[in-house]
N, C-alpha and C. Protein backbone atom coordinates (compact mmCIF):
# COMPACT_ATOMS: atom_id res chain seq x y z
N MET A 1 38.12 -174.24 4.14
CA MET A 1 37.77 -174.16 5.49
C MET A 1 36.64 -173.07 5.59
N GLU A 2 35.16 -173.56 6.02
CA GLU A 2 34.30 -172.68 6.27
C GLU A 2 34.36 -171.86 7.92
N LEU A 3 33.83 -170.63 7.48
CA LEU A 3 33.82 -169.77 8.67
C LEU A 3 32.41 -169.13 8.57
N THR A 4 31.48 -169.33 9.66
CA THR A 4 30.50 -168.72 9.89
C THR A 4 30.48 -167.76 11.15
N ILE A 5 30.21 -166.37 11.07
CA ILE A 5 30.03 -165.28 12.04
C ILE A 5 28.59 -164.84 12.02
N GLU A 6 28.02 -165.07 13.48
CA GLU A 6 26.55 -164.64 13.47
C GLU A 6 26.44 -163.46 14.28
N VAL A 7 26.42 -161.96 13.93
CA VAL A 7 26.59 -161.15 14.69
C VAL A 7 25.48 -160.30 14.87
N LYS A 8 24.89 -160.17 16.17
CA LYS A 8 23.59 -159.42 16.46
C LYS A 8 24.06 -157.93 16.85
N ALA A 9 23.74 -157.18 16.08
CA ALA A 9 24.11 -155.70 16.25
C ALA A 9 23.63 -155.16 17.53
N LYS A 10 24.27 -153.95 18.18
CA LYS A 10 23.67 -153.35 19.30
C LYS A 10 22.17 -152.68 18.60
N LYS A 11 21.31 -152.15 19.42
CA LYS A 11 20.06 -151.76 18.82
C LYS A 11 20.74 -150.17 18.12
N THR A 12 21.37 -149.67 18.62
CA THR A 12 21.85 -148.15 18.01
C THR A 12 23.09 -148.46 17.03
N SER A 13 23.38 -149.52 16.87
CA SER A 13 24.53 -149.56 15.87
C SER A 13 24.30 -150.54 14.65
N PHE A 14 22.89 -150.63 14.64
CA PHE A 14 22.66 -151.76 13.18
C PHE A 14 23.13 -151.17 11.95
N GLN A 15 22.77 -149.88 11.78
CA GLN A 15 22.99 -149.24 10.42
C GLN A 15 24.76 -148.88 10.31
N GLU A 16 25.27 -148.95 11.38
CA GLU A 16 26.73 -148.61 11.21
C GLU A 16 27.32 -150.12 10.97
N LEU A 17 27.03 -151.05 11.82
CA LEU A 17 27.57 -152.20 11.48
C LEU A 17 27.57 -152.76 9.96
N TYR A 18 26.15 -152.77 9.55
CA TYR A 18 25.90 -153.18 8.13
C TYR A 18 26.55 -152.38 7.28
N GLN A 19 26.92 -151.00 7.24
CA GLN A 19 27.84 -150.45 6.33
C GLN A 19 29.29 -150.53 6.42
N THR A 20 29.66 -151.24 7.84
CA THR A 20 31.15 -151.11 8.10
C THR A 20 31.50 -152.85 7.20
N LEU A 21 30.54 -153.67 7.55
CA LEU A 21 30.69 -155.19 6.93
C LEU A 21 30.66 -154.76 5.31
N LEU A 22 29.54 -154.13 4.89
CA LEU A 22 29.56 -153.69 3.38
C LEU A 22 31.26 -153.17 2.91
N ALA A 23 31.59 -152.28 3.79
CA ALA A 23 32.84 -151.65 3.29
C ALA A 23 33.98 -152.76 3.10
N LEU A 24 33.87 -153.72 4.16
CA LEU A 24 35.03 -154.57 4.38
C LEU A 24 34.87 -155.60 3.41
N VAL A 25 33.76 -155.95 2.63
CA VAL A 25 33.82 -156.94 1.91
C VAL A 25 34.44 -157.07 0.68
N PRO A 26 34.77 -155.83 -0.12
CA PRO A 26 35.66 -155.77 -1.15
C PRO A 26 37.06 -155.98 -0.84
N VAL A 27 37.30 -155.42 0.21
CA VAL A 27 38.83 -155.60 0.75
C VAL A 27 39.31 -157.24 0.90
N ILE A 28 38.17 -157.61 1.73
CA ILE A 28 38.33 -159.53 2.11
C ILE A 28 38.53 -160.02 0.76
N ARG A 29 37.58 -159.68 -0.28
CA ARG A 29 37.34 -160.58 -1.40
C ARG A 29 38.70 -160.60 -2.00
N LYS A 30 39.84 -159.61 -1.81
CA LYS A 30 40.98 -159.64 -2.63
C LYS A 30 41.96 -160.37 -2.03
N LYS A 31 41.64 -160.90 -0.28
CA LYS A 31 42.57 -162.06 0.10
C LYS A 31 42.58 -163.03 -0.19
N LYS A 32 44.29 -163.44 -0.28
CA LYS A 32 44.67 -164.65 -0.74
C LYS A 32 44.02 -166.08 0.05
N GLY A 33 43.69 -166.54 -0.82
CA GLY A 33 43.12 -167.89 0.06
C GLY A 33 41.73 -168.03 0.22
N LEU A 34 40.79 -166.70 0.13
CA LEU A 34 39.47 -166.58 0.47
C LEU A 34 38.92 -166.98 -1.36
N GLN A 35 37.87 -168.11 -0.97
CA GLN A 35 37.08 -168.43 -2.11
C GLN A 35 35.70 -167.79 -2.16
N LYS A 36 35.28 -167.53 -0.77
CA LYS A 36 33.74 -166.88 -1.17
C LYS A 36 33.50 -166.06 0.21
N ILE A 37 32.65 -165.17 -0.14
CA ILE A 37 32.02 -164.15 1.19
C ILE A 37 31.13 -163.92 0.94
N SER A 38 30.12 -164.00 2.01
CA SER A 38 28.46 -163.38 1.62
C SER A 38 28.01 -163.06 3.28
N ILE A 39 27.26 -161.92 3.10
CA ILE A 39 26.80 -161.24 4.27
C ILE A 39 25.34 -161.27 4.11
N ASN A 40 24.50 -161.74 4.79
CA ASN A 40 22.96 -162.21 4.88
C ASN A 40 22.27 -161.49 6.22
N ARG A 41 21.11 -161.26 6.10
CA ARG A 41 20.22 -160.98 7.32
C ARG A 41 19.68 -162.04 7.49
N ASP A 42 19.27 -162.61 9.34
CA ASP A 42 18.61 -163.86 9.55
C ASP A 42 17.13 -163.10 9.06
N THR A 43 16.48 -164.52 8.97
CA THR A 43 15.07 -164.32 8.49
C THR A 43 14.41 -163.79 9.77
N LYS A 44 14.73 -164.48 10.65
CA LYS A 44 14.12 -164.76 11.77
C LYS A 44 13.99 -163.37 12.78
N ASP A 45 15.38 -162.56 12.49
CA ASP A 45 15.88 -161.44 13.45
C ASP A 45 16.56 -160.48 12.43
N ASP A 46 15.98 -159.36 12.39
CA ASP A 46 16.22 -158.58 11.31
C ASP A 46 17.67 -158.01 11.85
N GLU A 47 18.19 -158.12 13.11
CA GLU A 47 19.28 -157.29 13.67
C GLU A 47 20.38 -158.34 13.84
N VAL A 48 20.25 -159.44 13.17
CA VAL A 48 21.45 -160.13 13.29
C VAL A 48 22.00 -160.43 11.61
N PHE A 49 22.95 -160.57 11.52
CA PHE A 49 23.77 -160.82 10.38
C PHE A 49 24.70 -162.20 10.18
N LEU A 50 24.33 -163.07 9.05
CA LEU A 50 25.28 -163.81 9.07
C LEU A 50 26.09 -163.76 8.00
N VAL A 51 27.76 -163.78 8.46
CA VAL A 51 28.72 -163.47 7.31
C VAL A 51 29.79 -164.95 7.31
N PHE A 52 29.61 -165.38 5.87
CA PHE A 52 30.21 -166.72 5.63
C PHE A 52 31.19 -166.58 4.80
N PHE A 53 32.26 -167.35 5.24
CA PHE A 53 33.32 -167.08 4.34
C PHE A 53 33.89 -168.43 4.24
N GLU A 54 34.84 -168.84 3.04
CA GLU A 54 35.34 -170.10 2.67
C GLU A 54 36.51 -169.86 2.26
N TRP A 55 37.43 -170.43 3.30
CA TRP A 55 39.10 -170.02 2.88
C TRP A 55 39.87 -171.48 2.47
N ASP A 56 40.61 -171.71 1.65
CA ASP A 56 41.63 -172.51 1.37
C ASP A 56 41.89 -173.63 2.12
N ASP A 57 42.11 -173.17 3.28
CA ASP A 57 42.71 -173.66 4.31
C ASP A 57 42.79 -172.97 5.68
N GLN A 58 42.91 -173.34 6.75
CA GLN A 58 43.39 -172.72 8.25
C GLN A 58 44.34 -171.58 8.03
N GLU A 59 45.39 -171.77 7.15
CA GLU A 59 46.42 -171.08 7.25
C GLU A 59 46.26 -169.56 6.50
N SER A 60 45.31 -169.64 5.81
CA SER A 60 44.85 -168.63 5.06
C SER A 60 43.90 -167.64 5.99
N LEU A 61 42.91 -168.32 6.67
CA LEU A 61 42.13 -167.70 7.47
C LEU A 61 42.96 -166.92 8.87
N GLU A 62 44.01 -167.97 9.37
CA GLU A 62 44.58 -167.42 10.42
C GLU A 62 45.55 -165.98 9.89
N HIS A 63 45.98 -165.92 8.57
CA HIS A 63 46.85 -164.90 8.11
C HIS A 63 45.82 -163.83 8.09
N TYR A 64 44.34 -164.02 7.44
CA TYR A 64 43.66 -163.01 7.26
C TYR A 64 43.47 -162.15 8.71
N LEU A 65 42.97 -163.18 9.73
CA LEU A 65 42.75 -162.67 10.83
C LEU A 65 43.87 -161.76 11.46
N ARG A 66 45.34 -161.93 11.16
CA ARG A 66 46.45 -161.33 11.63
C ARG A 66 46.80 -159.91 11.09
N SER A 67 45.94 -159.91 9.84
CA SER A 67 46.22 -158.65 9.00
C SER A 67 45.57 -157.24 9.61
N ASN A 68 45.89 -156.28 9.26
CA ASN A 68 45.05 -155.20 9.50
C ASN A 68 43.51 -155.29 9.21
N ASP A 69 43.19 -155.77 7.99
CA ASP A 69 41.74 -155.99 7.65
C ASP A 69 41.20 -156.89 8.74
N GLY A 70 41.72 -157.74 9.28
CA GLY A 70 41.10 -158.81 10.10
C GLY A 70 40.94 -157.91 11.25
N SER A 71 42.06 -157.41 11.79
CA SER A 71 41.34 -156.39 12.88
C SER A 71 40.47 -155.68 12.96
N ALA A 72 40.31 -154.90 11.64
CA ALA A 72 39.31 -154.11 11.40
C ALA A 72 38.04 -154.75 11.80
N LEU A 73 37.93 -156.12 11.13
CA LEU A 73 36.69 -157.00 11.15
C LEU A 73 36.03 -157.01 12.50
N LEU A 74 37.35 -157.89 13.27
CA LEU A 74 37.05 -158.21 14.78
C LEU A 74 36.79 -156.89 15.37
N GLY A 75 37.51 -155.84 15.07
CA GLY A 75 37.08 -154.56 16.03
C GLY A 75 35.78 -154.15 15.81
N ALA A 76 35.35 -154.10 14.60
CA ALA A 76 33.89 -153.70 14.44
C ALA A 76 32.98 -154.75 14.98
N ILE A 77 33.07 -155.91 15.13
CA ILE A 77 32.07 -156.77 15.66
C ILE A 77 32.17 -156.50 17.16
N GLU A 78 33.38 -156.46 17.80
CA GLU A 78 33.18 -156.27 19.01
C GLU A 78 32.74 -155.07 19.49
N VAL A 79 33.05 -153.67 18.90
CA VAL A 79 32.43 -152.53 19.19
C VAL A 79 30.91 -152.85 19.04
N LEU A 80 30.56 -153.01 17.76
CA LEU A 80 28.95 -152.76 17.37
C LEU A 80 28.13 -154.01 17.66
N SER A 81 28.51 -154.93 17.93
CA SER A 81 27.54 -156.15 18.43
C SER A 81 27.55 -156.41 19.78
N GLU A 82 26.04 -156.86 19.89
CA GLU A 82 25.68 -157.45 21.26
C GLU A 82 25.86 -158.98 21.52
N LYS A 83 25.90 -159.61 20.56
CA LYS A 83 26.07 -161.00 20.67
C LYS A 83 26.76 -161.44 19.43
N THR A 84 27.83 -162.11 19.59
CA THR A 84 28.50 -162.73 18.55
C THR A 84 28.64 -164.46 18.49
N LYS A 85 28.52 -165.04 17.66
CA LYS A 85 28.61 -166.65 17.79
C LYS A 85 29.57 -166.87 16.56
N VAL A 86 30.36 -167.78 16.41
CA VAL A 86 31.29 -168.23 15.21
C VAL A 86 31.23 -169.81 15.21
N ARG A 87 31.55 -170.29 14.08
CA ARG A 87 31.61 -171.58 13.74
C ARG A 87 32.58 -171.65 12.72
N ILE A 88 33.54 -172.28 13.23
CA ILE A 88 35.01 -172.53 12.52
C ILE A 88 34.92 -174.06 11.73
N GLY A 89 34.73 -174.23 10.35
CA GLY A 89 34.47 -175.31 9.86
C GLY A 89 32.72 -175.89 9.88
N ASN A 90 32.44 -176.75 8.98
CA ASN A 90 31.16 -176.92 8.53
C ASN A 90 30.31 -177.73 10.00
N ASP A 91 31.02 -178.66 10.71
CA ASP A 91 30.68 -179.72 11.37
C ASP A 91 30.84 -179.33 12.89
N LYS A 92 31.31 -178.13 13.28
CA LYS A 92 31.51 -177.59 14.71
C LYS A 92 30.35 -177.04 15.40
N PRO A 93 30.24 -176.75 16.74
CA PRO A 93 29.20 -176.24 17.41
C PRO A 93 29.53 -174.59 17.10
N MET A 94 28.84 -173.89 17.58
CA MET A 94 28.85 -172.26 17.50
C MET A 94 29.74 -172.12 18.65
N GLU A 95 30.62 -171.12 18.61
CA GLU A 95 31.77 -170.82 19.59
C GLU A 95 31.50 -169.12 19.81
N GLY A 96 32.32 -168.63 20.90
CA GLY A 96 32.13 -167.35 21.29
C GLY A 96 33.13 -166.75 20.34
N ILE A 97 33.22 -165.35 20.09
CA ILE A 97 34.35 -164.60 19.22
C ILE A 97 35.77 -164.93 19.68
N SER A 98 35.90 -165.14 20.83
CA SER A 98 37.24 -165.83 21.22
C SER A 98 38.20 -166.73 20.61
N SER A 99 37.18 -167.61 19.93
CA SER A 99 37.72 -168.56 19.24
C SER A 99 38.44 -167.94 18.09
N LEU A 100 38.28 -167.04 17.41
CA LEU A 100 38.79 -166.19 16.38
C LEU A 100 40.21 -165.32 16.78
N GLN A 101 39.89 -164.73 18.06
CA GLN A 101 40.91 -164.07 18.75
C GLN A 101 42.08 -165.12 18.84
N ASN A 102 41.67 -166.36 19.56
CA ASN A 102 42.68 -167.43 19.84
C ASN A 102 43.60 -167.85 18.40
N MET A 103 42.67 -168.00 17.25
CA MET A 103 43.19 -168.37 15.83
C MET A 103 44.25 -166.94 15.83
N ARG A 104 43.66 -165.94 15.85
CA ARG A 104 44.70 -164.71 15.70
C ARG A 104 45.91 -164.91 16.39
N GLU A 105 45.89 -165.28 17.41
CA GLU A 105 47.05 -165.36 18.30
C GLU A 105 47.84 -166.59 18.22
N GLY A 106 47.07 -167.50 17.56
CA GLY A 106 47.87 -168.71 17.23
C GLY A 106 47.82 -169.61 18.00
N THR A 107 46.90 -169.79 19.11
CA THR A 107 46.32 -170.64 20.31
C THR A 107 45.25 -171.45 20.16
N TYR A 108 44.48 -171.16 19.11
CA TYR A 108 43.40 -171.74 18.71
C TYR A 108 43.41 -173.37 18.86
N ARG A 109 42.56 -174.03 19.26
CA ARG A 109 42.67 -175.67 19.21
C ARG A 109 41.26 -176.12 18.77
N HIS A 110 41.19 -176.81 17.63
CA HIS A 110 40.15 -177.28 17.16
C HIS A 110 40.07 -178.98 17.13
C-alpha cells in the first residue's frame, strides 16, 4: 500500500521540519511491514517535502500510525506544516491530513 504525504513547511519551520523528518526515517525503516520510504523536495517549490511510503498492507500502515513513532510524525507535520496533502494508495486523489488521523482511529473509509 502506497502512502504519499506532501508537506509544505511553515516559512519559519522549514529547517526544523526537514531535520525532524530525517531523524524519523531510521526509526520508521525498522517498522514491520514497511517496504520503502523516501523524502524528496518538490522541484517546483523548495518548501514542499514529498514523503513516500510503501507498506505491505493497510494493517501495517495503521499499526504504524497508532504507534508512538506514528504520533511523532503526525505531530511534527501538524505543528511544522502550513499545508499537508495525503494520498493513500496510488490511484486515489489527494486528501487532507485528517485521512491519516481517521486511519489511526480506525474510522478511515477508502
